[in-house]
Amino acid sequence: MHEMSLMLEIIKIVSEDAKLHGFSKVNKIEVIVGDLSNVLPDALELAFFYFRKQGLGILDENTELAIIHEEAKAQCQTCLFEFIPDYRLAICPKCELPNCLLVFGETFKVESYEGCDEL
């Protein structure tokens, strides 16, 4: 379950940045997870709850995790048809050519976080 190590890195990065901005606590972390990012949102959430319970970084029992779902979308570079692919490599369902570009769905990033300077 690589989501444990991914969440650990997210918490470290957010905690370090929050401290640089004078925050003593992180209230909420928003993460974008694409359908084709190879990250399981449920496992990421489970890892978050585990680390939150441990009090890792500057999280506490009230810190929230918001996972923003990014649906996969591809566009055929031949006929410009847009569709929802099942895989990173896709054949256009309209012209049946394997000339498609993944436009959305691979994202995995921290979108934002909220913090405060209260204990």
N, C-alpha and C. Protein backbone atom coordinates (compact mmCIF):
# COMPACT_ATOMS: atom_id res chain seq x y z
N MET A 1 0.85 -1.18 0.00
CA MET A 1 0.00 0.00 0.00
C MET A 1 0.90 1.24 0.00
N HIS A 2 1.19 1.76 -1.19
CA HIS A 2 2.07 2.92 -1.29
C HIS A 2 1.38 4.21 -0.84
N GLU A 3 0.09 4.16 -0.61
CA GLU A 3 -0.62 5.34 -0.14
C GLU A 3 -0.13 5.79 1.24
N MET A 4 0.39 4.86 2.04
CA MET A 4 0.95 5.23 3.35
C MET A 4 2.13 6.18 3.15
N SER A 5 3.05 5.82 2.26
CA SER A 5 4.22 6.67 2.03
C SER A 5 3.83 7.97 1.34
N LEU A 6 2.83 7.92 0.45
CA LEU A 6 2.37 9.15 -0.20
C LEU A 6 1.77 10.11 0.82
N MET A 7 0.93 9.59 1.71
CA MET A 7 0.31 10.44 2.73
C MET A 7 1.35 10.97 3.71
N LEU A 8 2.31 10.15 4.04
CA LEU A 8 3.39 10.60 4.94
C LEU A 8 4.11 11.80 4.33
N GLU A 9 4.41 11.74 3.04
CA GLU A 9 5.08 12.85 2.36
C GLU A 9 4.18 14.09 2.30
N ILE A 10 2.90 13.89 2.03
CA ILE A 10 1.97 15.03 2.01
C ILE A 10 1.95 15.72 3.36
N ILE A 11 1.85 14.95 4.42
CA ILE A 11 1.79 15.54 5.76
C ILE A 11 3.09 16.27 6.09
N LYS A 12 4.22 15.69 5.73
CA LYS A 12 5.51 16.35 5.98
C LYS A 12 5.61 17.67 5.23
N ILE A 13 5.26 17.64 3.94
CA ILE A 13 5.36 18.85 3.12
C ILE A 13 4.42 19.94 3.62
N VAL A 14 3.16 19.57 3.90
CA VAL A 14 2.18 20.55 4.39
C VAL A 14 2.60 21.09 5.75
N SER A 15 3.06 20.22 6.64
CA SER A 15 3.47 20.67 7.98
C SER A 15 4.65 21.64 7.91
N GLU A 16 5.64 21.32 7.07
CA GLU A 16 6.80 22.21 6.92
C GLU A 16 6.38 23.57 6.37
N ASP A 17 5.52 23.57 5.33
CA ASP A 17 5.08 24.82 4.74
C ASP A 17 4.23 25.62 5.73
N ALA A 18 3.37 24.93 6.46
CA ALA A 18 2.51 25.60 7.44
C ALA A 18 3.36 26.27 8.53
N LYS A 19 4.40 25.59 8.98
CA LYS A 19 5.28 26.18 9.99
C LYS A 19 5.98 27.42 9.45
N LEU A 20 6.39 27.36 8.18
CA LEU A 20 7.04 28.53 7.56
C LEU A 20 6.10 29.73 7.52
N HIS A 21 4.81 29.48 7.43
CA HIS A 21 3.82 30.55 7.38
C HIS A 21 3.26 30.90 8.77
N GLY A 22 3.85 30.34 9.80
CA GLY A 22 3.46 30.68 11.17
C GLY A 22 2.26 29.93 11.72
N PHE A 23 1.85 28.88 11.04
CA PHE A 23 0.72 28.09 11.54
C PHE A 23 1.22 27.06 12.55
N SER A 24 0.43 26.85 13.59
CA SER A 24 0.77 25.84 14.58
C SER A 24 -0.10 24.59 14.40
N LYS A 25 -1.08 24.70 13.51
CA LYS A 25 -2.02 23.61 13.32
C LYS A 25 -2.56 23.64 11.89
N VAL A 26 -2.78 22.45 11.32
CA VAL A 26 -3.41 22.33 10.01
C VAL A 26 -4.84 21.85 10.23
N ASN A 27 -5.80 22.62 9.70
CA ASN A 27 -7.21 22.28 9.88
C ASN A 27 -7.75 21.37 8.77
N LYS A 28 -7.23 21.56 7.56
CA LYS A 28 -7.77 20.82 6.42
C LYS A 28 -6.72 20.71 5.33
N ILE A 29 -6.67 19.54 4.68
CA ILE A 29 -5.80 19.33 3.53
C ILE A 29 -6.68 18.87 2.37
N GLU A 30 -6.54 19.53 1.21
CA GLU A 30 -7.28 19.12 0.02
C GLU A 30 -6.30 18.50 -0.97
N VAL A 31 -6.63 17.30 -1.43
CA VAL A 31 -5.77 16.57 -2.36
C VAL A 31 -6.58 16.19 -3.60
N ILE A 32 -6.01 16.41 -4.78
CA ILE A 32 -6.65 15.99 -6.02
C ILE A 32 -6.11 14.62 -6.39
N VAL A 33 -7.02 13.68 -6.66
CA VAL A 33 -6.65 12.32 -7.05
C VAL A 33 -7.37 11.98 -8.35
N GLY A 34 -6.58 11.76 -9.40
CA GLY A 34 -7.15 11.42 -10.70
C GLY A 34 -7.46 9.93 -10.80
N ASP A 35 -8.43 9.61 -11.65
CA ASP A 35 -8.83 8.22 -11.87
C ASP A 35 -7.67 7.34 -12.30
N LEU A 36 -6.74 7.89 -13.05
CA LEU A 36 -5.63 7.11 -13.59
C LEU A 36 -4.30 7.45 -12.92
N SER A 37 -4.35 7.93 -11.69
CA SER A 37 -3.14 8.33 -10.96
C SER A 37 -2.46 7.19 -10.23
N ASN A 38 -3.08 6.02 -10.23
CA ASN A 38 -2.57 4.85 -9.48
C ASN A 38 -2.58 5.08 -7.97
N VAL A 39 -3.46 5.96 -7.50
CA VAL A 39 -3.64 6.21 -6.07
C VAL A 39 -5.07 5.84 -5.72
N LEU A 40 -5.22 5.01 -4.69
CA LEU A 40 -6.55 4.61 -4.23
C LEU A 40 -7.03 5.58 -3.16
N PRO A 41 -8.09 6.36 -3.44
CA PRO A 41 -8.56 7.35 -2.48
C PRO A 41 -8.89 6.76 -1.11
N ASP A 42 -9.50 5.58 -1.07
CA ASP A 42 -9.86 4.97 0.22
C ASP A 42 -8.61 4.63 1.04
N ALA A 43 -7.59 4.12 0.37
CA ALA A 43 -6.35 3.78 1.06
C ALA A 43 -5.62 5.04 1.51
N LEU A 44 -5.69 6.09 0.71
CA LEU A 44 -5.08 7.37 1.09
C LEU A 44 -5.77 7.94 2.33
N GLU A 45 -7.09 7.83 2.35
CA GLU A 45 -7.85 8.30 3.50
C GLU A 45 -7.53 7.49 4.75
N LEU A 46 -7.42 6.19 4.61
CA LEU A 46 -7.06 5.32 5.73
C LEU A 46 -5.69 5.71 6.29
N ALA A 47 -4.73 5.95 5.41
CA ALA A 47 -3.40 6.38 5.83
C ALA A 47 -3.47 7.71 6.57
N PHE A 48 -4.29 8.64 6.06
CA PHE A 48 -4.46 9.93 6.71
C PHE A 48 -4.98 9.76 8.13
N PHE A 49 -6.03 8.93 8.29
CA PHE A 49 -6.60 8.72 9.63
C PHE A 49 -5.57 8.11 10.58
N TYR A 50 -4.76 7.20 10.06
CA TYR A 50 -3.72 6.59 10.89
C TYR A 50 -2.72 7.65 11.36
N PHE A 51 -2.21 8.45 10.45
CA PHE A 51 -1.21 9.47 10.81
C PHE A 51 -1.82 10.58 11.65
N ARG A 52 -3.08 10.90 11.40
CA ARG A 52 -3.75 11.92 12.22
C ARG A 52 -3.85 11.44 13.66
N LYS A 53 -4.18 10.17 13.86
CA LYS A 53 -4.28 9.61 15.21
C LYS A 53 -2.93 9.64 15.91
N GLN A 54 -1.85 9.49 15.13
CA GLN A 54 -0.50 9.54 15.69
C GLN A 54 -0.06 10.96 16.02
N GLY A 55 -0.81 11.96 15.52
CA GLY A 55 -0.44 13.36 15.75
C GLY A 55 0.78 13.76 14.95
N LEU A 56 0.95 13.16 13.79
CA LEU A 56 2.11 13.43 12.95
C LEU A 56 2.09 14.86 12.43
N GLY A 57 3.26 15.46 12.35
CA GLY A 57 3.36 16.84 11.86
C GLY A 57 2.60 17.77 12.78
N ILE A 58 1.84 18.66 12.20
CA ILE A 58 1.02 19.56 13.03
C ILE A 58 -0.47 19.27 12.82
N LEU A 59 -0.76 17.99 12.66
CA LEU A 59 -2.16 17.55 12.59
C LEU A 59 -2.68 17.32 14.00
N ASP A 60 -3.97 17.42 14.15
CA ASP A 60 -4.60 17.01 15.40
C ASP A 60 -5.86 16.21 15.07
N GLU A 61 -6.61 15.82 16.07
CA GLU A 61 -7.76 14.94 15.86
C GLU A 61 -8.88 15.59 15.04
N ASN A 62 -8.83 16.91 14.85
CA ASN A 62 -9.86 17.61 14.08
C ASN A 62 -9.45 17.93 12.64
N THR A 63 -8.22 17.64 12.29
CA THR A 63 -7.76 17.92 10.93
C THR A 63 -8.55 17.07 9.93
N GLU A 64 -9.00 17.72 8.86
CA GLU A 64 -9.80 17.04 7.84
C GLU A 64 -8.98 16.80 6.57
N LEU A 65 -9.37 15.76 5.85
CA LEU A 65 -8.82 15.48 4.53
C LEU A 65 -9.96 15.55 3.53
N ALA A 66 -9.80 16.36 2.49
CA ALA A 66 -10.79 16.43 1.41
C ALA A 66 -10.12 15.90 0.15
N ILE A 67 -10.68 14.84 -0.39
CA ILE A 67 -10.16 14.26 -1.62
C ILE A 67 -11.04 14.73 -2.77
N ILE A 68 -10.43 15.42 -3.71
CA ILE A 68 -11.13 15.94 -4.88
C ILE A 68 -10.89 14.95 -6.02
N HIS A 69 -11.97 14.41 -6.54
CA HIS A 69 -11.89 13.40 -7.60
C HIS A 69 -11.71 14.09 -8.97
N GLU A 70 -10.72 13.61 -9.73
CA GLU A 70 -10.52 14.11 -11.09
C GLU A 70 -10.83 12.98 -12.07
N GLU A 71 -11.90 13.14 -12.82
CA GLU A 71 -12.31 12.12 -13.79
C GLU A 71 -11.33 12.11 -14.98
N ALA A 72 -11.05 10.93 -15.48
CA ALA A 72 -10.16 10.81 -16.64
C ALA A 72 -10.87 11.30 -17.89
N LYS A 73 -10.08 11.94 -18.76
CA LYS A 73 -10.62 12.43 -20.03
C LYS A 73 -9.49 12.38 -21.05
N ALA A 74 -9.81 11.88 -22.23
CA ALA A 74 -8.82 11.79 -23.31
C ALA A 74 -9.38 12.47 -24.55
N GLN A 75 -8.47 12.86 -25.43
CA GLN A 75 -8.87 13.44 -26.70
C GLN A 75 -8.09 12.79 -27.82
N CYS A 76 -8.80 12.38 -28.85
CA CYS A 76 -8.17 11.81 -30.03
C CYS A 76 -7.48 12.94 -30.78
N GLN A 77 -6.23 12.74 -31.13
CA GLN A 77 -5.47 13.77 -31.84
C GLN A 77 -5.74 13.74 -33.34
N THR A 78 -6.48 12.74 -33.79
CA THR A 78 -6.84 12.65 -35.20
C THR A 78 -8.19 13.31 -35.48
N CYS A 79 -9.24 12.87 -34.75
CA CYS A 79 -10.60 13.40 -35.00
C CYS A 79 -11.07 14.39 -33.94
N LEU A 80 -10.25 14.60 -32.89
CA LEU A 80 -10.52 15.53 -31.78
C LEU A 80 -11.70 15.13 -30.89
N PHE A 81 -12.15 13.89 -31.00
CA PHE A 81 -13.23 13.38 -30.16
C PHE A 81 -12.73 13.25 -28.73
N GLU A 82 -13.54 13.71 -27.76
CA GLU A 82 -13.20 13.60 -26.35
C GLU A 82 -14.03 12.48 -25.72
N PHE A 83 -13.39 11.70 -24.84
CA PHE A 83 -14.06 10.56 -24.22
C PHE A 83 -13.40 10.23 -22.89
N ILE A 84 -14.06 9.35 -22.12
CA ILE A 84 -13.54 8.89 -20.84
C ILE A 84 -12.82 7.56 -21.09
N PRO A 85 -11.50 7.55 -20.94
CA PRO A 85 -10.74 6.32 -21.19
C PRO A 85 -10.74 5.40 -19.97
N ASP A 86 -10.55 4.12 -20.23
CA ASP A 86 -10.41 3.15 -19.15
C ASP A 86 -8.96 3.01 -18.71
N TYR A 87 -8.05 3.33 -19.62
CA TYR A 87 -6.62 3.17 -19.37
C TYR A 87 -5.88 4.39 -19.88
N ARG A 88 -4.61 4.50 -19.51
CA ARG A 88 -3.78 5.61 -19.98
C ARG A 88 -3.59 5.58 -21.50
N LEU A 89 -3.43 4.40 -22.03
CA LEU A 89 -3.33 4.23 -23.48
C LEU A 89 -4.70 3.83 -23.99
N ALA A 90 -5.24 4.62 -24.91
CA ALA A 90 -6.61 4.36 -25.35
C ALA A 90 -6.74 4.46 -26.87
N ILE A 91 -7.69 3.71 -27.37
CA ILE A 91 -8.07 3.78 -28.77
C ILE A 91 -9.34 4.60 -28.85
N CYS A 92 -9.38 5.53 -29.78
CA CYS A 92 -10.53 6.39 -29.94
C CYS A 92 -11.77 5.56 -30.28
N PRO A 93 -12.85 5.72 -29.52
CA PRO A 93 -14.06 4.96 -29.81
C PRO A 93 -14.78 5.45 -31.08
N LYS A 94 -14.40 6.61 -31.58
CA LYS A 94 -15.06 7.16 -32.78
C LYS A 94 -14.33 6.73 -34.06
N CYS A 95 -13.04 7.04 -34.16
CA CYS A 95 -12.30 6.72 -35.39
C CYS A 95 -11.45 5.45 -35.26
N GLU A 96 -11.39 4.91 -34.03
CA GLU A 96 -10.69 3.65 -33.73
C GLU A 96 -9.18 3.70 -33.99
N LEU A 97 -8.60 4.87 -33.85
CA LEU A 97 -7.15 5.02 -33.99
C LEU A 97 -6.52 5.18 -32.60
N PRO A 98 -5.32 4.67 -32.41
CA PRO A 98 -4.64 4.78 -31.11
C PRO A 98 -3.82 6.07 -31.00
N ASN A 99 -4.43 7.18 -31.35
CA ASN A 99 -3.74 8.46 -31.36
C ASN A 99 -4.38 9.41 -30.34
N CYS A 100 -4.45 8.95 -29.09
CA CYS A 100 -5.16 9.72 -28.06
C CYS A 100 -4.20 10.29 -27.03
N LEU A 101 -4.58 11.44 -26.53
CA LEU A 101 -3.82 12.14 -25.50
C LEU A 101 -4.67 12.21 -24.24
N LEU A 102 -4.10 11.82 -23.12
CA LEU A 102 -4.80 11.92 -21.85
C LEU A 102 -4.78 13.38 -21.40
N VAL A 103 -5.95 13.97 -21.25
CA VAL A 103 -6.08 15.38 -20.91
C VAL A 103 -6.19 15.56 -19.39
N PHE A 104 -7.01 14.72 -18.74
CA PHE A 104 -7.20 14.76 -17.30
C PHE A 104 -7.19 13.33 -16.76
N GLY A 105 -6.91 13.22 -15.47
CA GLY A 105 -7.04 11.93 -14.82
C GLY A 105 -5.78 11.38 -14.18
N GLU A 106 -4.62 11.99 -14.46
CA GLU A 106 -3.37 11.51 -13.87
C GLU A 106 -2.93 12.33 -12.66
N THR A 107 -3.65 13.36 -12.35
CA THR A 107 -3.24 14.28 -11.29
C THR A 107 -3.23 13.62 -9.92
N PHE A 108 -2.18 13.90 -9.20
CA PHE A 108 -2.12 13.58 -7.77
C PHE A 108 -1.31 14.70 -7.13
N LYS A 109 -2.00 15.60 -6.43
CA LYS A 109 -1.30 16.73 -5.82
C LYS A 109 -2.10 17.32 -4.68
N VAL A 110 -1.39 18.05 -3.83
CA VAL A 110 -2.05 18.83 -2.78
C VAL A 110 -2.57 20.09 -3.45
N GLU A 111 -3.87 20.26 -3.40
CA GLU A 111 -4.50 21.44 -4.00
C GLU A 111 -4.35 22.64 -3.06
N SER A 112 -4.60 22.41 -1.76
CA SER A 112 -4.49 23.49 -0.78
C SER A 112 -4.53 22.91 0.63
N TYR A 113 -4.26 23.77 1.58
CA TYR A 113 -4.45 23.40 2.98
C TYR A 113 -4.85 24.64 3.75
N GLU A 114 -5.52 24.44 4.86
CA GLU A 114 -5.92 25.52 5.75
C GLU A 114 -5.24 25.32 7.08
N GLY A 115 -4.72 26.38 7.63
CA GLY A 115 -4.06 26.29 8.92
C GLY A 115 -4.41 27.48 9.80
N CYS A 116 -3.98 27.40 11.05
CA CYS A 116 -4.19 28.50 11.98
C CYS A 116 -3.03 28.54 12.97
N ASP A 117 -2.95 29.65 13.69
CA ASP A 117 -1.86 29.78 14.67
C ASP A 117 -2.35 29.57 16.10
N GLU A 118 -3.52 28.96 16.24
CA GLU A 118 -4.04 28.66 17.57
C GLU A 118 -3.71 27.23 17.95
N LEU A 119 -3.51 27.01 19.20
CA LEU A 119 -3.27 25.63 19.67
C LEU A 119 -4.49 24.98 20.15
